[in-house]
Protein backbone atom coordinates (compact mmCIF):
# COMPACT_ATOMS: atom_id res chain seq x y z
CA MET A 1 71.39 98.67 118.73
CA ARG A 2 72.34 102.36 118.54
CA ARG A 3 75.94 101.55 117.65
CA TYR A 4 74.84 99.47 114.66
CA PHE A 5 72.84 102.42 113.31
CA ALA A 6 75.88 104.61 113.98
CA PHE A 7 78.00 102.13 112.02
CA PHE A 8 75.49 102.40 109.16
CA GLY A 9 75.70 106.18 109.23
CA VAL A 10 79.47 106.46 109.06
CA SER A 11 79.60 103.64 106.49
CA LEU A 12 77.18 105.67 104.38
CA ALA A 13 79.78 108.45 104.43
CA LEU A 14 82.39 106.08 103.00
CA PHE A 15 79.84 105.00 100.40
CA LEU A 16 79.28 108.68 99.60
CA GLY A 17 82.98 109.22 98.96
CA SER A 18 83.18 106.15 96.74
CA VAL A 19 80.15 107.16 94.66
CA ASN A 20 81.59 110.65 94.25
CA VAL A 21 84.88 109.34 92.86
CA THR A 22 83.37 106.89 90.37
CA ALA A 23 80.38 108.98 89.24
CA ILE A 24 82.59 111.93 88.29
CA THR A 25 84.66 109.59 86.12
CA VAL A 26 81.58 108.78 84.06
CA ALA A 27 80.60 112.45 83.87
CA PHE A 28 84.09 113.63 82.92
CA PRO A 29 83.73 113.55 79.08
CA ILE A 30 80.33 115.27 79.29
CA ILE A 31 81.74 118.03 81.52
CA ILE A 32 84.58 118.71 79.06
CA ASP A 33 82.15 118.91 76.14
CA GLU A 34 79.55 121.11 77.86
CA LEU A 35 82.04 123.54 79.40
CA HIS A 36 84.08 123.66 76.14
CA ILE A 37 87.43 123.05 77.83
CA SER A 38 90.56 121.09 76.95
CA VAL A 39 91.31 117.65 78.35
CA VAL A 40 94.31 119.11 80.23
CA LEU A 41 92.18 121.71 82.00
CA GLY A 42 89.45 119.14 82.55
CA GLY A 43 91.97 116.81 84.12
CA TRP A 44 92.43 119.26 86.96
CA ILE A 45 88.77 118.80 87.88
CA LEU A 46 89.88 115.31 88.91
CA ASN A 47 93.43 116.09 90.06
CA ALA A 48 92.54 119.09 92.25
CA PHE A 49 90.21 116.90 94.32
CA GLN A 50 92.74 114.13 94.84
CA LEU A 51 95.72 116.38 95.57
CA THR A 52 93.72 118.47 98.04
CA GLN A 53 92.71 115.34 99.90
CA ILE A 54 96.33 114.18 100.05
CA ALA A 55 97.51 117.51 101.48
CA LEU A 56 94.72 117.90 104.04
CA MET A 57 94.29 114.30 105.18
CA PRO A 58 97.00 114.48 107.90
CA VAL A 59 95.59 117.77 109.25
CA ALA A 60 92.09 116.29 109.24
CA GLY A 61 93.27 113.26 111.19
CA ARG A 62 94.89 115.40 113.86
CA LEU A 63 91.82 117.66 114.05
CA SER A 64 89.65 114.61 114.67
CA GLU A 65 91.77 113.84 117.72
CA THR A 66 91.67 117.36 119.16
CA MET A 67 88.09 118.26 118.21
CA GLY A 68 86.39 114.94 118.91
CA ARG A 69 85.11 112.25 116.53
CA ARG A 70 81.47 113.35 116.30
CA SER A 71 82.13 117.07 115.94
CA SER A 72 84.83 116.64 113.31
CA PHE A 73 82.72 114.10 111.39
CA LEU A 74 79.78 116.53 111.25
CA LEU A 75 82.06 119.42 110.27
CA PHE A 76 83.83 117.65 107.43
CA THR A 77 80.69 115.97 106.09
CA GLY A 78 79.03 119.40 106.07
CA ILE A 79 81.93 120.92 104.10
CA PHE A 80 81.82 118.05 101.60
CA THR A 81 78.05 118.40 101.17
CA PHE A 82 78.38 122.18 100.73
CA GLY A 83 81.07 121.71 98.10
CA SER A 84 78.92 119.16 96.28
CA ALA A 85 76.01 121.59 96.21
CA LEU A 86 78.26 124.32 94.81
CA CYS A 87 79.47 121.98 92.05
CA THR A 88 75.89 121.62 90.81
CA VAL A 89 75.76 125.34 89.97
CA ALA A 90 79.37 125.90 88.79
CA PRO A 91 79.23 128.30 85.81
CA ASP A 92 82.63 127.40 84.34
CA ALA A 93 85.59 125.04 84.68
CA TYR A 94 87.58 127.27 87.01
CA SER A 95 84.66 127.58 89.42
CA LEU A 96 84.14 123.83 89.27
CA ILE A 97 87.81 123.22 90.13
CA LEU A 98 87.50 125.61 93.10
CA PHE A 99 84.33 123.93 94.32
CA ARG A 100 85.95 120.52 93.93
CA ILE A 101 88.76 121.72 96.23
CA ILE A 102 86.12 122.69 98.82
CA GLN A 103 84.51 119.28 98.37
CA ALA A 104 87.88 117.57 98.82
CA ALA A 105 88.58 119.56 102.00
CA GLY A 106 85.52 117.93 103.52
CA GLY A 107 86.21 114.51 102.05
CA ALA A 108 89.68 114.53 103.57
CA GLY A 109 88.20 114.69 107.05
CA PHE A 110 85.22 112.40 107.36
CA LEU A 111 87.14 109.20 106.60
CA PRO A 112 89.66 109.51 109.51
CA SER A 113 86.95 110.59 111.96
CA ALA A 114 84.61 107.84 110.73
CA ALA A 115 87.31 105.21 111.30
CA GLY A 116 87.76 106.53 114.83
CA ILE A 117 84.01 106.37 115.45
CA VAL A 118 83.83 102.75 114.28
CA SER A 119 86.73 101.84 116.53
CA ASP A 120 85.13 103.57 119.53
CA GLU A 121 81.76 101.91 118.98
CA PHE A 122 83.25 98.41 118.70
CA PRO A 123 86.34 98.43 120.95
CA GLN A 124 86.34 94.66 121.50
CA SER A 125 86.12 93.81 117.79
CA ARG A 126 87.96 96.72 116.23
CA GLN A 127 89.75 94.64 113.59
CA LYS A 128 86.56 93.16 112.17
CA ALA A 129 84.63 96.43 112.40
CA ILE A 130 87.32 98.40 110.54
CA GLY A 131 87.52 95.65 107.91
CA LEU A 132 83.76 95.60 107.34
CA PHE A 133 83.74 99.39 107.26
CA SER A 134 86.42 99.33 104.54
CA SER A 135 84.41 96.81 102.49
CA VAL A 136 81.73 99.47 101.92
CA PHE A 137 83.98 101.29 99.45
CA PRO A 138 83.68 98.67 96.65
CA VAL A 139 79.87 98.88 96.90
CA GLY A 140 80.06 102.54 95.94
CA MET A 141 82.49 101.67 93.14
CA ILE A 142 79.88 99.29 91.69
CA ILE A 143 76.91 101.62 92.07
CA GLY A 144 78.68 104.92 91.30
CA PRO A 145 79.34 104.53 87.55
CA ASN A 146 75.89 103.10 86.86
CA LEU A 147 74.13 105.69 89.02
CA GLY A 148 76.15 108.45 87.38
CA ALA A 149 75.25 107.22 83.90
CA LEU A 150 71.54 107.07 84.78
CA LEU A 151 71.59 110.59 86.23
CA ILE A 152 73.40 111.99 83.21
CA GLU A 153 70.95 110.24 80.90
CA ALA A 154 67.92 111.55 82.80
CA PHE A 155 69.22 115.00 83.71
CA ASN A 156 72.83 116.19 83.17
CA TRP A 157 76.30 115.93 84.72
CA ARG A 158 75.36 118.34 87.51
CA ALA A 159 72.97 115.72 88.90
CA THR A 160 75.95 113.52 89.83
CA PHE A 161 77.01 116.20 92.31
CA GLY A 162 73.43 116.76 93.38
CA VAL A 163 72.97 113.18 94.50
CA THR A 164 76.13 113.31 96.63
CA ALA A 165 74.79 116.47 98.27
CA VAL A 166 71.52 114.69 99.09
CA ILE A 167 73.34 111.66 100.52
CA GLY A 168 75.56 114.02 102.51
CA ILE A 169 72.51 115.65 104.12
CA LEU A 170 71.21 112.20 105.07
CA VAL A 171 74.56 111.30 106.65
CA ILE A 172 74.54 114.53 108.67
CA ILE A 173 71.03 113.82 109.98
CA ILE A 174 71.98 110.28 111.03
CA ALA A 175 75.21 111.43 112.66
CA ARG A 176 73.51 114.31 114.46
CA PHE A 177 71.06 112.07 116.28
CA LEU A 178 72.85 108.71 116.57
CA LEU A 179 76.49 109.47 117.26
CA ARG A 180 77.32 109.94 120.91
CA ASN A 181 79.17 112.99 122.15
CA ASP A 182 82.79 112.28 122.95
CA PRO A 183 85.08 114.59 124.88
CA ALA A 184 87.70 116.22 122.72
CA THR A 185 91.29 115.51 123.69
CA SER A 186 92.01 119.23 123.74
CA ALA A 187 90.59 121.52 126.40
CA SER A 188 90.77 124.48 124.06
CA PHE A 189 87.64 125.98 122.54
CA ARG A 190 89.70 126.38 119.40
CA PRO A 191 90.72 122.81 118.53
CA TRP A 192 92.47 123.93 115.34
CA ARG A 193 95.08 125.80 117.37
CA GLY A 194 98.48 124.21 117.00
CA LEU A 195 97.59 122.33 113.81
CA ASP A 196 100.25 122.65 111.16
CA PHE A 197 98.36 124.40 108.35
CA VAL A 198 101.64 125.93 107.15
CA GLY A 199 103.08 122.44 106.75
CA ALA A 200 99.96 121.38 104.86
CA GLY A 201 100.49 124.35 102.54
CA TRP A 202 104.09 123.32 101.84
CA LEU A 203 102.93 119.76 101.15
CA ALA A 204 100.16 120.96 98.83
CA GLY A 205 102.65 123.13 96.95
CA PHE A 206 104.98 120.17 96.46
CA LEU A 207 102.20 117.88 95.23
CA PHE A 208 100.64 120.39 92.84
CA ALA A 209 104.00 121.48 91.41
CA PHE A 210 105.23 117.91 90.95
CA MET A 211 102.00 116.70 89.33
CA PHE A 212 101.78 119.78 87.12
CA GLY A 213 105.34 119.09 85.96
CA LEU A 214 104.38 115.53 85.02
CA THR A 215 101.38 116.93 83.17
CA GLN A 216 103.72 119.10 81.10
CA LEU A 217 105.81 116.05 80.21
CA SER A 218 102.79 114.13 79.00
CA LYS A 219 101.59 116.91 76.69
CA VAL A 220 104.47 117.11 74.19
CA GLY A 221 107.15 114.54 74.93
CA ASP A 222 110.17 116.46 73.59
CA TRP A 223 112.66 119.04 74.88
CA GLN A 224 109.95 121.71 75.03
CA SER A 225 107.96 119.65 77.50
CA TRP A 226 111.07 119.17 79.64
CA ALA A 227 111.72 122.91 79.52
CA ALA A 228 108.17 123.52 80.77
CA ALA A 229 108.36 120.75 83.39
CA LEU A 230 111.78 121.59 84.87
CA PRO A 231 110.68 124.80 86.65
CA CYS A 232 107.74 122.86 88.12
CA PHE A 233 110.05 120.14 89.43
CA LEU A 234 112.44 122.73 90.88
CA ALA A 235 109.55 124.51 92.57
CA GLY A 236 108.30 121.16 93.87
CA GLY A 237 111.74 120.44 95.30
CA GLY A 238 111.71 123.82 97.04
CA PHE A 239 108.27 123.16 98.51
CA LEU A 240 109.39 119.71 99.67
CA TYR A 241 112.47 121.18 101.37
CA GLY A 242 110.29 123.80 103.05
CA PHE A 243 107.88 121.09 104.18
CA ILE A 244 110.65 118.98 105.74
CA GLN A 245 112.14 121.98 107.54
CA ARG A 246 108.71 123.00 108.79
CA GLU A 247 107.91 119.52 110.12
CA ARG A 248 111.25 119.37 111.93
CA SER A 249 110.61 122.66 113.73
CA SER A 250 106.86 122.43 114.30
CA GLN A 251 105.59 121.43 117.75
CA ASN A 252 102.57 119.72 116.15
CA PRO A 253 103.71 118.50 112.71
CA ILE A 254 101.17 116.92 110.38
CA LEU A 255 103.77 114.26 109.60
CA ASP A 256 105.96 113.13 112.47
CA LEU A 257 109.24 112.58 110.59
CA THR A 258 110.70 110.71 113.55
CA ILE A 259 107.89 108.17 113.42
CA LEU A 260 108.09 107.94 109.64
CA ARG A 261 111.74 106.93 109.91
CA ASP A 262 110.80 104.09 112.26
CA ARG A 263 111.18 100.81 110.38
CA PRO A 264 107.58 99.49 110.71
CA PHE A 265 106.08 102.88 109.82
CA MET A 266 108.44 103.32 106.88
CA ALA A 267 107.55 99.84 105.63
CA ALA A 268 103.83 100.54 106.02
CA ASN A 269 104.08 103.82 104.11
CA ILE A 270 106.08 102.26 101.27
CA PHE A 271 103.62 99.39 101.02
CA ASN A 272 100.58 101.67 101.08
CA MET A 273 101.98 103.98 98.42
CA VAL A 274 102.74 101.11 96.03
CA TYR A 275 99.47 99.38 96.96
CA GLY A 276 97.53 102.54 96.10
CA LEU A 277 99.35 102.72 92.79
CA CYS A 278 98.98 99.06 91.75
CA ALA A 279 95.62 98.17 93.30
CA PHE A 280 93.70 101.37 92.55
CA GLY A 281 95.44 104.16 90.63
CA ILE A 282 96.69 102.25 87.61
CA PHE A 283 93.32 100.62 87.02
CA THR A 284 91.76 103.92 86.02
CA LEU A 285 93.57 103.28 82.70
CA ILE A 286 91.85 99.94 82.14
CA PRO A 287 88.92 101.24 80.04
CA LEU A 288 91.29 102.89 77.56
CA TYR A 289 93.51 99.80 77.61
CA ALA A 290 90.53 97.55 76.87
CA ILE A 291 89.40 99.67 73.95
CA THR A 292 92.82 100.11 72.31
CA THR A 293 94.30 96.66 73.01
CA TYR A 294 91.28 94.34 73.04
CA ASN A 295 89.29 96.45 70.56
CA LEU A 296 86.30 96.41 72.91
CA THR A 297 83.45 98.87 72.76
CA VAL A 298 82.90 101.32 75.61
CA ILE A 299 80.00 99.22 76.93
CA GLU A 300 82.10 96.04 76.82
CA ALA A 301 84.98 97.79 78.59
CA GLY A 302 82.65 98.92 81.35
CA LEU A 303 81.21 95.43 81.67
CA ALA A 304 84.69 93.94 81.94
CA LEU A 305 85.42 96.12 84.99
CA THR A 306 82.38 94.98 86.97
CA PRO A 307 83.82 91.67 88.31
CA ARG A 308 86.70 93.57 89.92
CA PHE A 309 84.39 95.45 92.26
CA PHE A 310 82.39 92.34 93.16
CA GLY A 311 85.64 90.52 93.86
CA MET A 312 86.86 93.33 96.11
CA MET A 313 83.61 93.45 98.05
CA ALA A 314 83.36 89.69 98.62
CA ALA A 315 87.04 89.14 99.46
CA SER A 316 87.14 92.16 101.77
CA ALA A 317 84.09 90.95 103.72
CA VAL A 318 85.46 87.40 104.13
CA THR A 319 88.92 88.60 105.12
CA SER A 320 87.44 91.02 107.66
CA LEU A 321 85.48 88.24 109.35
CA LEU A 322 88.46 85.87 109.49
CA ILE A 323 91.26 88.35 110.08
CA ASN A 324 91.68 87.37 113.74
CA ARG A 325 92.37 83.81 112.65
CA TRP A 326 94.49 84.61 109.59
CA GLY A 327 96.48 87.54 110.93
CA TYR A 328 97.76 90.37 108.75
CA ARG A 329 100.82 89.21 106.84
CA GLY A 330 99.27 86.20 105.11
CA PRO A 331 96.42 88.13 103.46
CA MET A 332 98.72 91.04 102.53
CA LEU A 333 101.22 88.65 100.96
CA ILE A 334 98.61 86.64 99.04
CA GLY A 335 96.76 89.75 97.86
CA SER A 336 99.95 91.47 96.66
CA ILE A 337 101.05 88.41 94.68
CA ILE A 338 97.62 88.12 93.05
CA ILE A 339 97.68 91.81 92.04
CA ALA A 340 101.21 91.48 90.63
CA LEU A 341 100.25 88.37 88.63
CA CYS A 342 97.19 90.15 87.23
CA LEU A 343 99.33 93.09 86.14
CA GLY A 344 101.65 90.59 84.48
CA ALA A 345 98.69 89.00 82.68
CA LEU A 346 97.58 92.43 81.46
CA SER A 347 101.09 93.17 80.20
CA LEU A 348 101.03 89.96 78.11
CA ARG A 349 97.83 91.11 76.41
CA LEU A 350 96.27 87.68 76.81
CA SER A 351 93.56 86.86 74.30
CA GLY A 352 92.20 83.82 76.10
CA ALA A 353 94.31 81.39 74.04
CA GLY A 354 91.21 80.61 71.96
CA LEU A 355 89.23 79.50 75.02
CA PHE A 356 87.55 82.81 75.87
CA SER A 357 86.66 86.04 74.13
CA PRO A 358 88.78 89.10 74.93
CA THR A 359 85.94 90.48 77.04
CA THR A 360 85.68 87.28 79.09
CA THR A 361 89.45 87.11 79.50
CA LEU A 362 89.61 90.66 80.77
CA MET A 363 86.67 90.02 83.11
CA ILE A 364 88.51 87.03 84.62
CA ILE A 365 91.66 89.10 85.14
CA MET A 366 89.65 91.91 86.70
CA LEU A 367 87.88 89.45 89.02
CA PHE A 368 91.20 88.17 90.36
CA THR A 369 92.50 91.73 90.66
CA GLY A 370 89.50 92.57 92.84
CA LEU A 371 90.03 89.44 94.92
CA GLY A 372 93.67 90.39 95.49
CA ALA A 373 92.78 93.92 96.54
CA GLY A 374 89.94 92.71 98.75
CA ILE A 375 92.10 90.13 100.50
CA SER A 376 94.95 92.51 101.28
CA ALA A 377 93.07 95.75 102.08
CA PRO A 378 91.50 94.84 105.48
CA ALA A 379 94.76 93.26 106.65
CA ALA A 380 96.83 96.27 105.56
CA ASN A 381 94.36 98.68 107.19
CA ASN A 382 94.51 96.90 110.54
CA ALA A 383 98.28 96.32 110.39
CA CYS A 384 98.80 100.09 110.09
CA ILE A 385 96.43 100.81 112.96
CA GLU A 386 98.16 98.18 115.11
CA LEU A 387 101.32 100.31 115.03
CA MET A 388 99.61 103.05 117.05
CA PRO A 389 96.04 102.05 118.00
CA GLU A 390 95.60 105.02 120.33
CA ARG A 391 95.81 107.40 117.33
CA ILE A 392 93.53 105.75 114.79
CA PRO A 393 92.38 108.93 112.95
CA THR A 394 95.98 110.07 112.39
CA ILE A 395 97.13 106.64 111.22
CA THR A 396 94.09 106.28 108.94
CA ALA A 397 94.81 109.71 107.44
CA LEU A 398 98.48 108.88 106.79
CA ARG A 399 97.61 105.51 105.28
CA THR A 400 95.03 107.03 102.96
CA MET A 401 97.35 109.90 102.05
CA PHE A 402 100.13 107.57 100.94
CA ARG A 403 97.72 105.39 98.97
CA GLN A 404 96.27 108.38 97.14
CA MET A 405 99.74 109.76 96.54
CA GLY A 406 100.74 106.44 95.01
CA GLY A 407 97.66 106.36 92.82
CA ALA A 408 98.13 109.92 91.56
CA THR A 409 101.86 109.40 90.92
CA GLY A 410 101.28 106.10 89.12
CA ILE A 411 98.71 107.59 86.77
CA ALA A 412 100.97 110.54 85.96
CA ILE A 413 104.07 108.40 85.30
CA SER A 414 102.08 105.85 83.29
CA THR A 415 100.65 108.63 81.14
CA VAL A 416 104.15 109.92 80.41
CA ILE A 417 105.31 106.43 79.38
CA ILE A 418 102.30 105.83 77.14
CA GLN A 419 102.60 109.26 75.55
CA GLY A 420 106.37 108.97 75.10
CA MET A 421 106.48 105.46 73.59
CA GLY A 422 103.77 106.19 71.07
CA GLU A 423 102.91 102.55 70.20
CA THR A 424 99.89 101.87 72.36
CA GLY A 425 100.14 98.08 72.77
CA LEU A 426 103.84 98.07 73.68
CA SER A 427 103.50 101.06 76.00
CA TYR A 428 100.77 99.34 78.02
CA THR A 429 102.89 96.20 78.18
CA VAL A 430 105.75 98.23 79.69
CA VAL A 431 103.45 100.05 82.13
CA PHE A 432 101.72 96.97 83.53
CA ALA A 433 104.92 94.93 83.68
CA LEU A 434 106.74 97.77 85.45
CA TRP A 435 104.14 98.15 88.18
CA GLY A 436 103.79 94.39 88.58
CA VAL A 437 107.50 94.18 89.35
CA VAL A 438 107.26 97.14 91.72
CA MET A 439 104.38 95.44 93.56
CA LEU A 440 106.49 92.31 94.06
CA ALA A 441 109.46 94.41 95.15
CA THR A 442 107.50 95.79 98.11
CA ILE A 443 106.70 92.34 99.56
CA PRO A 444 109.66 92.55 102.03
CA ALA A 445 107.93 95.58 103.57
CA ILE A 446 105.07 93.31 104.64
CA PHE A 447 107.39 91.40 106.96
CA ALA A 448 108.34 94.63 108.78
CA MET A 449 104.68 95.30 109.62
CA PRO A 450 102.70 93.65 112.48
CA ALA A 451 101.89 90.02 111.75
CA SER A 452 98.71 89.91 113.86
CA PRO A 453 97.04 91.63 116.83
CA ASP A 454 98.96 89.36 119.19
CA SER A 455 102.31 90.29 117.62
CA SER A 456 102.04 93.89 118.85
CA GLY A 457 100.68 93.11 122.27
CA ALA A 458 97.07 93.92 121.40
CA THR A 459 94.25 92.03 123.01
CA ARG A 460 92.50 89.54 120.78
CA PRO A 461 89.03 90.88 119.93
CA HIS A 462 85.89 88.96 120.81
CA GLU A 463 84.24 87.40 117.79
CA THR A 464 80.70 88.16 118.95
CA ASP A 465 80.95 91.91 119.36
CA ILE A 466 79.88 92.76 115.82
């Protein structure tokens, strides 16, 4: 019974992360207005969190292996909770960005360690347990925007950070008493020794410089924007070169370049980056798309998004329960095709052909998008882990890093296209069609990944263990 309560506790952490991401989206316009800042500066309140997570996720995964699952989970959840509490009292935008970086440093760590805890608690049914654990995320995506709106209505935007701090404290209490102590894999009293923080710094520099360059392109759209962006891109290239050289020489690199060049790992990373872009990142633009293309109100646009989250939650749960029977490749293939077809439908700006209202049409498309993401996510998660099951935190960190990198890159590139083309309807058509084609183009990568637990020599889990 204890392990089921432990599963609830670490799942609550994933729920916490999901609520944090979606609630801040609702609060974003209010924060800009109250702090009297520009949209560009306000955008870094969102970007700083995501980019920090991308840079620190590999380090966090390695630290979970050397420090131990329970200790690292408590540490990172504590940092996230502390950062959330600081955000509630941020006096200005720059302080809020700094506190969001602290929050992201914690958020980067509790997901890899939580995945390792779930795997340790249910060793005979790891595939199903990881799949069910992943299905918690859509629940937070459903509750987060509505909870955030209620808190803003009753209090202010700071309450959205306050509730994550309260949930974080609850997670720490549960973890403190219910998670079992596990011996760290390192005998050192300083488990952070040997971790490649310098490499993480080079990676962070590359990501921030590259994304800042794209931000410059999206602001003006002429030669002046290119003049401002070029130094950022050059600096990003320098940081990337430094990162590669560091990882080649480091005894404990955060990214093992030798492994990344291995065909299955390369395929998994390519798939996860495009999957993060097409299944998650690009859909942050849907509310604006609905308002400008379908002429929906803000309330109608929010309503149209709801079926996507329900579809993700239901499909993810079903796929997780049947993944031993279905394997990995089938669900990944079906889910990717569904997502690509939905992007194609969005690019056509379907009006329902007289059968449905624009709101209903968009709701149907969003439902199928959620089903596609929910079908493919548990299979993709387990297929990555199957490549190196003895290092689940590291693999989970890399997988999440590439997905977030894809999402951040997709949003930045899409913004440049929309800003540069000017005509809103046509620009969205190009954006959705482009990413739909890219999603289809990554299907061959699925066939380089493990087809099922049996295909990699893993033992078939017992159905009754969870």
